Amino acid sequence: MQVTETNTAIREETARVFFAIWPDAAAQRRLAELAERLEAVCDGRKVRAENIHLTLVFLGEVSIDRLDALCQAANEVQGTGVRAFNFAVEEVSYWKHNRIAYAGTAKAPQGLLDLVDALQSALSAAGFAFDRQASYIPHITLVRRARCPALPELAGPVVWPVHEWVLVKSEQANGRSVYLPIGRWSLV
């Protein structure tokens, strides 16, 4: 009789996480209405109102044991004096290559760019890997799996004051993404 060894490696528990800002109630309502209009035009699947957000840094799968280190990195950013700012959605666009209809801004506010830069620096220093693009393109995904032959015009800018950012854990429940805040940090 031959005995074979089996690999009984323990699978590391991870969480899918990202840093983001959420619109206030009025902006969320307007963006949800825009998502409805886009869904009708683009034949995709709209993002549910409660999930509409602007991603700052997407980290993907992170070990549960490292979540405290993520929060510590955010604590360090909070102490750098990054200032509150207004975010204005001014345009609707479509990325054909990944089939996403989204809302964006003509020019990213300096406060947003400072926050993203500070987060990326703190996360890099703490040893976290993430997709560091040559240039950060702020966008709010409104419709996934879209095919947009035309895009509706925005009736006017959607503006909200940004006073905090959030570390979010993404989970699947009943075939949908559910976003659970892990931590919140204020801007000065």
N, C-alpha and C. Protein backbone atom coordinates (compact mmCIF):
# COMPACT_ATOMS: atom_id res chain seq x y z
N MET A 1 0.84 -1.17 0.00
CA MET A 1 0.00 0.00 0.00
C MET A 1 0.89 1.24 0.00
N GLN A 2 0.61 2.19 -0.87
CA GLN A 2 1.41 3.40 -0.97
C GLN A 2 0.66 4.55 -0.31
N VAL A 3 1.36 5.30 0.51
CA VAL A 3 0.77 6.44 1.20
C VAL A 3 1.23 7.71 0.49
N THR A 4 0.30 8.59 0.21
CA THR A 4 0.67 9.85 -0.43
C THR A 4 0.36 11.00 0.52
N GLU A 5 1.18 12.02 0.45
CA GLU A 5 0.96 13.20 1.28
C GLU A 5 -0.06 14.11 0.60
N THR A 6 -0.88 14.70 1.40
CA THR A 6 -1.82 15.68 0.86
C THR A 6 -1.44 17.06 1.38
N ASN A 7 -1.66 18.02 0.56
CA ASN A 7 -1.36 19.39 0.94
C ASN A 7 -2.55 19.93 1.73
N THR A 8 -2.31 20.21 2.99
CA THR A 8 -3.39 20.71 3.85
C THR A 8 -3.12 22.16 4.23
N ALA A 9 -2.62 22.92 3.28
CA ALA A 9 -2.32 24.33 3.55
C ALA A 9 -3.61 25.07 3.92
N ILE A 10 -3.50 25.89 4.90
CA ILE A 10 -4.65 26.67 5.35
C ILE A 10 -4.83 27.85 4.41
N ARG A 11 -6.05 28.00 3.93
CA ARG A 11 -6.35 29.12 3.03
C ARG A 11 -6.48 30.39 3.85
N GLU A 12 -5.74 31.40 3.45
CA GLU A 12 -5.75 32.68 4.15
C GLU A 12 -7.08 33.40 3.90
N GLU A 13 -7.68 33.92 4.96
CA GLU A 13 -8.94 34.65 4.84
C GLU A 13 -8.64 36.07 4.38
N THR A 14 -9.34 36.50 3.35
CA THR A 14 -9.12 37.82 2.79
C THR A 14 -10.43 38.60 2.71
N ALA A 15 -10.29 39.89 2.48
CA ALA A 15 -11.44 40.76 2.23
C ALA A 15 -11.12 41.60 1.00
N ARG A 16 -12.11 41.84 0.19
CA ARG A 16 -11.96 42.70 -1.00
C ARG A 16 -12.24 44.12 -0.53
N VAL A 17 -11.25 45.01 -0.60
CA VAL A 17 -11.38 46.34 0.01
C VAL A 17 -10.93 47.46 -0.92
N PHE A 18 -11.44 48.65 -0.63
CA PHE A 18 -11.05 49.86 -1.36
C PHE A 18 -11.36 51.08 -0.51
N PHE A 19 -10.65 52.18 -0.80
CA PHE A 19 -10.95 53.47 -0.19
C PHE A 19 -11.81 54.25 -1.17
N ALA A 20 -12.81 54.99 -0.65
CA ALA A 20 -13.73 55.71 -1.52
C ALA A 20 -14.34 56.90 -0.80
N ILE A 21 -15.00 57.74 -1.59
CA ILE A 21 -15.86 58.78 -1.04
C ILE A 21 -17.27 58.50 -1.53
N TRP A 22 -18.25 58.85 -0.70
CA TRP A 22 -19.66 58.64 -1.03
C TRP A 22 -20.33 60.00 -1.21
N PRO A 23 -21.24 60.10 -2.17
CA PRO A 23 -21.97 61.36 -2.34
C PRO A 23 -22.95 61.58 -1.20
N ASP A 24 -23.27 62.85 -0.95
CA ASP A 24 -24.32 63.12 0.04
C ASP A 24 -25.66 62.67 -0.55
N ALA A 25 -26.72 62.74 0.24
CA ALA A 25 -28.04 62.21 -0.16
C ALA A 25 -28.56 62.85 -1.45
N ALA A 26 -28.44 64.18 -1.57
CA ALA A 26 -28.96 64.86 -2.76
C ALA A 26 -28.19 64.44 -4.02
N ALA A 27 -26.87 64.39 -3.92
CA ALA A 27 -26.06 63.98 -5.07
C ALA A 27 -26.30 62.52 -5.40
N GLN A 28 -26.45 61.68 -4.39
CA GLN A 28 -26.71 60.26 -4.61
C GLN A 28 -28.03 60.07 -5.36
N ARG A 29 -29.05 60.83 -4.98
CA ARG A 29 -30.35 60.76 -5.65
C ARG A 29 -30.21 61.15 -7.13
N ARG A 30 -29.52 62.24 -7.40
CA ARG A 30 -29.34 62.69 -8.79
C ARG A 30 -28.52 61.70 -9.61
N LEU A 31 -27.49 61.13 -9.00
CA LEU A 31 -26.67 60.14 -9.71
C LEU A 31 -27.45 58.84 -9.95
N ALA A 32 -28.30 58.47 -9.02
CA ALA A 32 -29.14 57.28 -9.19
C ALA A 32 -30.13 57.51 -10.34
N GLU A 33 -30.68 58.71 -10.45
CA GLU A 33 -31.57 59.04 -11.56
C GLU A 33 -30.81 58.98 -12.88
N LEU A 34 -29.59 59.48 -12.90
CA LEU A 34 -28.76 59.42 -14.10
C LEU A 34 -28.46 57.96 -14.46
N ALA A 35 -28.19 57.12 -13.46
CA ALA A 35 -27.94 55.70 -13.71
C ALA A 35 -29.16 55.05 -14.36
N GLU A 36 -30.36 55.42 -13.91
CA GLU A 36 -31.61 54.90 -14.52
C GLU A 36 -31.68 55.29 -15.99
N ARG A 37 -31.40 56.56 -16.28
CA ARG A 37 -31.44 57.03 -17.67
C ARG A 37 -30.40 56.30 -18.51
N LEU A 38 -29.20 56.14 -17.97
CA LEU A 38 -28.14 55.45 -18.70
C LEU A 38 -28.49 53.98 -18.93
N GLU A 39 -29.08 53.33 -17.95
CA GLU A 39 -29.45 51.93 -18.09
C GLU A 39 -30.43 51.76 -19.25
N ALA A 40 -31.37 52.69 -19.39
CA ALA A 40 -32.35 52.62 -20.47
C ALA A 40 -31.70 52.79 -21.84
N VAL A 41 -30.68 53.63 -21.92
CA VAL A 41 -30.00 53.90 -23.19
C VAL A 41 -28.93 52.85 -23.50
N CYS A 42 -28.26 52.34 -22.47
CA CYS A 42 -27.08 51.51 -22.66
C CYS A 42 -27.30 50.01 -22.49
N ASP A 43 -28.52 49.60 -22.16
CA ASP A 43 -28.81 48.17 -22.01
C ASP A 43 -27.86 47.44 -21.07
N GLY A 44 -27.44 48.07 -20.01
CA GLY A 44 -26.56 47.42 -19.06
C GLY A 44 -27.26 47.18 -17.74
N ARG A 45 -26.47 47.12 -16.69
CA ARG A 45 -27.01 46.92 -15.34
C ARG A 45 -26.57 48.10 -14.49
N LYS A 46 -27.53 48.88 -14.02
CA LYS A 46 -27.20 50.07 -13.23
C LYS A 46 -26.65 49.68 -11.86
N VAL A 47 -25.83 50.56 -11.33
CA VAL A 47 -25.33 50.43 -9.97
C VAL A 47 -26.45 50.90 -9.04
N ARG A 48 -26.72 50.12 -8.00
CA ARG A 48 -27.76 50.51 -7.04
C ARG A 48 -27.36 51.80 -6.34
N ALA A 49 -28.33 52.64 -6.02
CA ALA A 49 -28.09 53.97 -5.44
C ALA A 49 -27.15 53.91 -4.25
N GLU A 50 -27.34 52.97 -3.35
CA GLU A 50 -26.51 52.91 -2.14
C GLU A 50 -25.07 52.52 -2.42
N ASN A 51 -24.80 52.02 -3.63
CA ASN A 51 -23.44 51.62 -3.99
C ASN A 51 -22.72 52.66 -4.84
N ILE A 52 -23.37 53.75 -5.17
CA ILE A 52 -22.73 54.79 -6.00
C ILE A 52 -21.66 55.49 -5.17
N HIS A 53 -20.43 55.48 -5.68
CA HIS A 53 -19.29 56.04 -4.96
C HIS A 53 -18.18 56.42 -5.93
N LEU A 54 -17.19 57.09 -5.42
CA LEU A 54 -15.98 57.42 -6.19
C LEU A 54 -14.81 56.70 -5.51
N THR A 55 -14.22 55.74 -6.21
CA THR A 55 -13.08 55.00 -5.66
C THR A 55 -11.84 55.88 -5.65
N LEU A 56 -11.15 55.86 -4.53
CA LEU A 56 -9.87 56.58 -4.39
C LEU A 56 -8.71 55.65 -4.69
N VAL A 57 -8.68 54.51 -4.00
CA VAL A 57 -7.65 53.48 -4.21
C VAL A 57 -8.31 52.12 -4.04
N PHE A 58 -8.19 51.28 -5.06
CA PHE A 58 -8.71 49.91 -5.00
C PHE A 58 -7.57 48.98 -4.64
N LEU A 59 -7.75 48.22 -3.56
CA LEU A 59 -6.69 47.31 -3.11
C LEU A 59 -6.96 45.86 -3.49
N GLY A 60 -8.21 45.50 -3.71
CA GLY A 60 -8.54 44.11 -4.03
C GLY A 60 -8.51 43.24 -2.80
N GLU A 61 -8.07 42.00 -2.96
CA GLU A 61 -8.05 41.03 -1.86
C GLU A 61 -6.88 41.33 -0.92
N VAL A 62 -7.22 41.57 0.34
CA VAL A 62 -6.24 41.86 1.39
C VAL A 62 -6.49 40.91 2.55
N SER A 63 -5.43 40.39 3.12
CA SER A 63 -5.56 39.51 4.27
C SER A 63 -6.29 40.23 5.41
N ILE A 64 -7.21 39.52 6.02
CA ILE A 64 -7.97 40.08 7.16
C ILE A 64 -7.00 40.57 8.24
N ASP A 65 -5.88 39.88 8.39
CA ASP A 65 -4.88 40.26 9.39
C ASP A 65 -4.24 41.62 9.10
N ARG A 66 -4.36 42.11 7.87
CA ARG A 66 -3.74 43.38 7.48
C ARG A 66 -4.70 44.57 7.51
N LEU A 67 -5.96 44.35 7.87
CA LEU A 67 -6.93 45.45 7.88
C LEU A 67 -6.55 46.53 8.90
N ASP A 68 -6.00 46.14 10.04
CA ASP A 68 -5.56 47.14 11.02
C ASP A 68 -4.45 48.02 10.45
N ALA A 69 -3.56 47.42 9.67
CA ALA A 69 -2.47 48.19 9.05
C ALA A 69 -3.05 49.17 8.00
N LEU A 70 -4.10 48.77 7.32
CA LEU A 70 -4.77 49.68 6.37
C LEU A 70 -5.34 50.88 7.12
N CYS A 71 -5.99 50.60 8.23
CA CYS A 71 -6.57 51.69 9.04
C CYS A 71 -5.48 52.60 9.58
N GLN A 72 -4.35 52.03 9.97
CA GLN A 72 -3.23 52.84 10.46
C GLN A 72 -2.70 53.75 9.36
N ALA A 73 -2.61 53.23 8.13
CA ALA A 73 -2.16 54.06 7.00
C ALA A 73 -3.14 55.22 6.79
N ALA A 74 -4.43 54.95 6.90
CA ALA A 74 -5.43 56.02 6.76
C ALA A 74 -5.31 57.03 7.90
N ASN A 75 -5.02 56.56 9.10
CA ASN A 75 -4.81 57.48 10.24
C ASN A 75 -3.67 58.44 9.95
N GLU A 76 -2.61 57.92 9.32
CA GLU A 76 -1.46 58.76 8.98
C GLU A 76 -1.85 59.82 7.94
N VAL A 77 -2.69 59.46 6.98
CA VAL A 77 -3.14 60.41 5.96
C VAL A 77 -3.98 61.50 6.62
N GLN A 78 -4.82 61.11 7.55
CA GLN A 78 -5.68 62.09 8.22
C GLN A 78 -4.84 63.16 8.92
N GLY A 79 -3.67 62.80 9.39
CA GLY A 79 -2.81 63.75 10.08
C GLY A 79 -1.99 64.65 9.16
N THR A 80 -2.12 64.50 7.84
CA THR A 80 -1.31 65.28 6.91
C THR A 80 -1.94 66.62 6.53
N GLY A 81 -3.16 66.87 6.98
CA GLY A 81 -3.81 68.14 6.68
C GLY A 81 -4.49 68.20 5.33
N VAL A 82 -4.81 67.03 4.74
CA VAL A 82 -5.54 67.03 3.47
C VAL A 82 -6.90 67.68 3.72
N ARG A 83 -7.24 68.62 2.85
CA ARG A 83 -8.41 69.47 3.07
C ARG A 83 -9.67 68.94 2.39
N ALA A 84 -10.82 69.31 2.98
CA ALA A 84 -12.12 69.00 2.39
C ALA A 84 -12.23 69.74 1.05
N PHE A 85 -13.08 69.26 0.18
CA PHE A 85 -13.24 69.84 -1.14
C PHE A 85 -14.65 69.54 -1.66
N ASN A 86 -15.02 70.20 -2.72
CA ASN A 86 -16.27 69.89 -3.42
C ASN A 86 -15.94 69.05 -4.63
N PHE A 87 -16.74 68.03 -4.87
CA PHE A 87 -16.58 67.22 -6.08
C PHE A 87 -17.75 67.52 -6.99
N ALA A 88 -17.46 67.82 -8.26
CA ALA A 88 -18.50 68.16 -9.23
C ALA A 88 -18.50 67.16 -10.38
N VAL A 89 -19.61 66.47 -10.54
CA VAL A 89 -19.82 65.61 -11.70
C VAL A 89 -20.33 66.51 -12.82
N GLU A 90 -19.58 66.53 -13.92
CA GLU A 90 -19.91 67.46 -15.01
C GLU A 90 -20.12 66.79 -16.35
N GLU A 91 -19.81 65.50 -16.43
CA GLU A 91 -19.92 64.83 -17.72
C GLU A 91 -20.26 63.35 -17.55
N VAL A 92 -20.82 62.80 -18.61
CA VAL A 92 -21.15 61.38 -18.68
C VAL A 92 -20.32 60.80 -19.80
N SER A 93 -19.70 59.65 -19.56
CA SER A 93 -18.83 59.04 -20.56
C SER A 93 -19.03 57.53 -20.58
N TYR A 94 -18.36 56.90 -21.55
CA TYR A 94 -18.49 55.46 -21.76
C TYR A 94 -17.13 54.89 -22.12
N TRP A 95 -16.71 53.85 -21.38
CA TRP A 95 -15.50 53.12 -21.73
C TRP A 95 -15.93 51.84 -22.45
N LYS A 96 -15.76 51.83 -23.74
CA LYS A 96 -16.19 50.68 -24.55
C LYS A 96 -15.40 49.42 -24.19
N HIS A 97 -14.09 49.58 -23.91
CA HIS A 97 -13.23 48.42 -23.67
C HIS A 97 -13.66 47.61 -22.44
N ASN A 98 -14.22 48.26 -21.42
CA ASN A 98 -14.69 47.49 -20.27
C ASN A 98 -16.19 47.64 -20.02
N ARG A 99 -16.87 48.26 -21.01
CA ARG A 99 -18.34 48.35 -21.02
C ARG A 99 -18.89 49.00 -19.76
N ILE A 100 -18.35 50.18 -19.44
CA ILE A 100 -18.79 50.93 -18.26
C ILE A 100 -19.25 52.31 -18.68
N ALA A 101 -20.47 52.67 -18.28
CA ALA A 101 -20.95 54.05 -18.42
C ALA A 101 -20.73 54.71 -17.07
N TYR A 102 -20.16 55.91 -17.09
CA TYR A 102 -19.77 56.53 -15.83
C TYR A 102 -19.95 58.04 -15.87
N ALA A 103 -19.94 58.62 -14.68
CA ALA A 103 -19.98 60.08 -14.52
C ALA A 103 -18.60 60.52 -14.08
N GLY A 104 -18.20 61.67 -14.56
CA GLY A 104 -16.86 62.17 -14.21
C GLY A 104 -16.85 63.68 -14.12
N THR A 105 -15.64 64.18 -14.00
CA THR A 105 -15.45 65.61 -13.85
C THR A 105 -14.51 66.11 -14.94
N ALA A 106 -14.69 67.35 -15.34
CA ALA A 106 -13.82 67.93 -16.36
C ALA A 106 -12.41 68.15 -15.80
N LYS A 107 -12.33 68.54 -14.53
CA LYS A 107 -11.03 68.77 -13.89
C LYS A 107 -11.14 68.33 -12.42
N ALA A 108 -10.32 67.39 -12.05
CA ALA A 108 -10.34 66.88 -10.67
C ALA A 108 -9.92 67.97 -9.70
N PRO A 109 -10.67 68.14 -8.60
CA PRO A 109 -10.27 69.14 -7.60
C PRO A 109 -8.94 68.77 -6.95
N GLN A 110 -8.14 69.78 -6.63
CA GLN A 110 -6.82 69.54 -6.03
C GLN A 110 -6.93 68.74 -4.74
N GLY A 111 -7.96 68.99 -3.94
CA GLY A 111 -8.14 68.24 -2.69
C GLY A 111 -8.27 66.75 -2.93
N LEU A 112 -8.98 66.37 -4.00
CA LEU A 112 -9.13 64.95 -4.36
C LEU A 112 -7.78 64.36 -4.75
N LEU A 113 -7.05 65.07 -5.60
CA LEU A 113 -5.74 64.58 -6.03
C LEU A 113 -4.78 64.47 -4.85
N ASP A 114 -4.83 65.44 -3.93
CA ASP A 114 -3.98 65.38 -2.73
C ASP A 114 -4.33 64.17 -1.87
N LEU A 115 -5.63 63.90 -1.71
CA LEU A 115 -6.07 62.77 -0.90
C LEU A 115 -5.61 61.45 -1.53
N VAL A 116 -5.81 61.28 -2.82
CA VAL A 116 -5.39 60.05 -3.50
C VAL A 116 -3.88 59.88 -3.39
N ASP A 117 -3.13 60.95 -3.61
CA ASP A 117 -1.68 60.88 -3.52
C ASP A 117 -1.21 60.50 -2.11
N ALA A 118 -1.81 61.13 -1.10
CA ALA A 118 -1.45 60.83 0.30
C ALA A 118 -1.79 59.39 0.65
N LEU A 119 -2.95 58.91 0.20
CA LEU A 119 -3.33 57.51 0.47
C LEU A 119 -2.36 56.55 -0.22
N GLN A 120 -2.07 56.80 -1.49
CA GLN A 120 -1.16 55.91 -2.20
C GLN A 120 0.22 55.88 -1.55
N SER A 121 0.71 57.03 -1.12
CA SER A 121 2.02 57.07 -0.46
C SER A 121 2.01 56.29 0.85
N ALA A 122 0.97 56.51 1.67
CA ALA A 122 0.88 55.81 2.96
C ALA A 122 0.72 54.30 2.75
N LEU A 123 -0.06 53.91 1.77
CA LEU A 123 -0.27 52.48 1.50
C LEU A 123 1.00 51.83 0.98
N SER A 124 1.71 52.51 0.11
CA SER A 124 2.99 51.98 -0.40
C SER A 124 3.99 51.82 0.74
N ALA A 125 4.07 52.83 1.61
CA ALA A 125 5.00 52.77 2.75
C ALA A 125 4.65 51.62 3.70
N ALA A 126 3.36 51.29 3.77
CA ALA A 126 2.92 50.19 4.64
C ALA A 126 3.00 48.83 3.95
N GLY A 127 3.48 48.82 2.70
CA GLY A 127 3.69 47.56 2.01
C GLY A 127 2.49 47.00 1.27
N PHE A 128 1.50 47.83 0.99
CA PHE A 128 0.32 47.35 0.27
C PHE A 128 0.51 47.51 -1.23
N ALA A 129 0.02 46.53 -1.98
CA ALA A 129 0.07 46.57 -3.44
C ALA A 129 -1.28 47.04 -3.96
N PHE A 130 -1.25 47.86 -4.98
CA PHE A 130 -2.47 48.34 -5.63
C PHE A 130 -2.10 48.81 -7.02
N ASP A 131 -3.09 49.01 -7.84
CA ASP A 131 -2.85 49.45 -9.22
C ASP A 131 -2.60 50.95 -9.21
N ARG A 132 -1.34 51.33 -9.31
CA ARG A 132 -0.96 52.75 -9.33
C ARG A 132 -0.87 53.18 -10.78
N GLN A 133 -1.92 53.85 -11.23
CA GLN A 133 -1.96 54.31 -12.62
C GLN A 133 -1.11 55.56 -12.78
N ALA A 134 -0.67 55.79 -14.00
CA ALA A 134 0.14 56.97 -14.28
C ALA A 134 -0.63 58.24 -13.91
N SER A 135 -1.92 58.22 -14.17
CA SER A 135 -2.72 59.37 -13.79
C SER A 135 -4.07 58.88 -13.28
N TYR A 136 -4.46 59.39 -12.16
CA TYR A 136 -5.72 59.02 -11.53
C TYR A 136 -6.88 59.64 -12.32
N ILE A 137 -7.83 58.82 -12.73
CA ILE A 137 -9.00 59.31 -13.47
C ILE A 137 -10.23 59.10 -12.60
N PRO A 138 -10.69 60.17 -11.93
CA PRO A 138 -11.85 60.00 -11.06
C PRO A 138 -13.11 59.73 -11.89
N HIS A 139 -13.80 58.65 -11.56
CA HIS A 139 -15.03 58.31 -12.26
C HIS A 139 -15.97 57.56 -11.32
N ILE A 140 -17.24 57.72 -11.57
CA ILE A 140 -18.28 57.07 -10.77
C ILE A 140 -19.01 56.12 -11.70
N THR A 141 -18.79 54.83 -11.53
CA THR A 141 -19.44 53.83 -12.37
C THR A 141 -20.94 53.87 -12.10
N LEU A 142 -21.73 54.00 -13.17
CA LEU A 142 -23.18 54.04 -13.04
C LEU A 142 -23.87 52.85 -13.71
N VAL A 143 -23.28 52.33 -14.79
CA VAL A 143 -23.85 51.17 -15.49
C VAL A 143 -22.72 50.24 -15.91
N ARG A 144 -22.88 48.96 -15.58
CA ARG A 144 -21.92 47.92 -15.97
C ARG A 144 -22.51 47.12 -17.14
N ARG A 145 -21.65 46.44 -17.87
CA ARG A 145 -22.05 45.65 -19.04
C ARG A 145 -22.85 46.51 -20.03
N ALA A 146 -22.42 47.74 -20.19
CA ALA A 146 -23.13 48.71 -21.01
C ALA A 146 -22.72 48.60 -22.48
N ARG A 147 -23.65 48.96 -23.33
CA ARG A 147 -23.41 49.19 -24.75
C ARG A 147 -24.14 50.49 -25.06
N CYS A 148 -23.39 51.54 -25.16
CA CYS A 148 -23.98 52.88 -25.26
C CYS A 148 -23.85 53.46 -26.67
N PRO A 149 -24.93 53.43 -27.44
CA PRO A 149 -24.88 54.06 -28.75
C PRO A 149 -24.87 55.59 -28.65
N ALA A 150 -25.45 56.11 -27.56
CA ALA A 150 -25.49 57.55 -27.31
C ALA A 150 -25.56 57.76 -25.80
N LEU A 151 -25.18 58.94 -25.37
CA LEU A 151 -25.23 59.25 -23.94
C LEU A 151 -26.11 60.46 -23.70
N PRO A 152 -26.90 60.43 -22.63
CA PRO A 152 -27.73 61.58 -22.32
C PRO A 152 -26.88 62.75 -21.82
N GLU A 153 -27.39 63.93 -22.00
CA GLU A 153 -26.72 65.13 -21.49
C GLU A 153 -27.03 65.26 -20.00
N LEU A 154 -26.10 65.80 -19.27
CA LEU A 154 -26.30 66.11 -17.86
C LEU A 154 -27.07 67.43 -17.78
N ALA A 155 -28.14 67.47 -17.00
CA ALA A 155 -28.94 68.70 -16.88
C ALA A 155 -28.14 69.83 -16.26
N GLY A 156 -27.17 69.50 -15.47
CA GLY A 156 -26.31 70.47 -14.80
C GLY A 156 -25.37 69.69 -13.91
N PRO A 157 -24.34 70.33 -13.39
CA PRO A 157 -23.39 69.59 -12.55
C PRO A 157 -24.04 69.04 -11.28
N VAL A 158 -23.53 67.92 -10.85
CA VAL A 158 -23.93 67.31 -9.58
C VAL A 158 -22.76 67.55 -8.63
N VAL A 159 -22.97 68.39 -7.62
CA VAL A 159 -21.87 68.79 -6.73
C VAL A 159 -22.18 68.34 -5.31
N TRP A 160 -21.16 67.79 -4.64
CA TRP A 160 -21.33 67.52 -3.22
C TRP A 160 -20.05 67.84 -2.47
N PRO A 161 -20.20 68.30 -1.22
CA PRO A 161 -19.03 68.57 -0.40
C PRO A 161 -18.46 67.26 0.15
N VAL A 162 -17.15 67.12 0.07
CA VAL A 162 -16.49 65.90 0.55
C VAL A 162 -15.76 66.25 1.83
N HIS A 163 -16.18 65.62 2.94
CA HIS A 163 -15.60 65.87 4.25
C HIS A 163 -14.96 64.64 4.87
N GLU A 164 -15.11 63.47 4.18
CA GLU A 164 -14.55 62.24 4.73
C GLU A 164 -14.30 61.23 3.62
N TRP A 165 -13.49 60.24 3.94
CA TRP A 165 -13.31 59.10 3.07
C TRP A 165 -13.49 57.85 3.90
N VAL A 166 -13.71 56.73 3.20
CA VAL A 166 -14.12 55.49 3.86
C VAL A 166 -13.29 54.32 3.34
N LEU A 167 -12.96 53.39 4.24
CA LEU A 167 -12.41 52.10 3.84
C LEU A 167 -13.60 51.15 3.79
N VAL A 168 -13.77 50.47 2.66
CA VAL A 168 -14.96 49.67 2.42
C VAL A 168 -14.57 48.23 2.10
N LYS A 169 -15.37 47.32 2.63
CA LYS A 169 -15.23 45.90 2.32
C LYS A 169 -16.38 45.54 1.38
N SER A 170 -16.04 44.90 0.26
CA SER A 170 -17.05 44.49 -0.72
C SER A 170 -17.34 43.00 -0.55
N GLU A 171 -18.62 42.68 -0.40
CA GLU A 171 -19.04 41.28 -0.27
C GLU A 171 -20.14 41.00 -1.28
N GLN A 172 -20.35 39.73 -1.57
CA GLN A 172 -21.45 39.31 -2.42
C GLN A 172 -22.55 38.72 -1.55
N ALA A 173 -23.78 39.16 -1.79
CA ALA A 173 -24.94 38.63 -1.08
C ALA A 173 -26.10 38.59 -2.06
N ASN A 174 -26.66 37.40 -2.25
CA ASN A 174 -27.79 37.22 -3.18
C ASN A 174 -27.45 37.72 -4.58
N GLY A 175 -26.22 37.48 -5.03
CA GLY A 175 -25.81 37.86 -6.36
C GLY A 175 -25.55 39.35 -6.55
N ARG A 176 -25.47 40.10 -5.47
CA ARG A 176 -25.23 41.55 -5.55
C ARG A 176 -24.03 41.93 -4.71
N SER A 177 -23.41 43.04 -5.09
CA SER A 177 -22.33 43.58 -4.27
C SER A 177 -22.92 44.38 -3.12
N VAL A 178 -22.39 44.14 -1.94
CA VAL A 178 -22.78 44.88 -0.74
C VAL A 178 -21.51 45.51 -0.19
N TYR A 179 -21.56 46.82 0.06
CA TYR A 179 -20.40 47.54 0.55
C TYR A 179 -20.57 47.84 2.03
N LEU A 180 -19.61 47.38 2.83
CA LEU A 180 -19.65 47.56 4.28
C LEU A 180 -18.49 48.44 4.72
N PRO A 181 -18.79 49.60 5.32
CA PRO A 181 -17.70 50.47 5.81
C PRO A 181 -16.93 49.80 6.94
N ILE A 182 -15.61 49.87 6.86
CA ILE A 182 -14.73 49.36 7.91
C ILE A 182 -14.24 50.51 8.77
N GLY A 183 -14.00 51.66 8.15
CA GLY A 183 -13.52 52.83 8.88
C GLY A 183 -13.82 54.09 8.10
N ARG A 184 -13.87 55.23 8.83
CA ARG A 184 -14.12 56.54 8.24
C ARG A 184 -13.08 57.51 8.77
N TRP A 185 -12.64 58.42 7.89
CA TRP A 185 -11.66 59.43 8.28
C TRP A 185 -12.11 60.79 7.77
N SER A 186 -11.91 61.81 8.56
CA SER A 186 -12.35 63.16 8.22
C SER A 186 -11.25 63.94 7.52
N LEU A 187 -11.69 64.86 6.66
CA LEU A 187 -10.80 65.83 6.05
C LEU A 187 -10.92 67.13 6.83
N VAL A 188 -9.86 67.94 6.85
CA VAL A 188 -9.90 69.21 7.60
C VAL A 188 -10.49 70.32 6.75
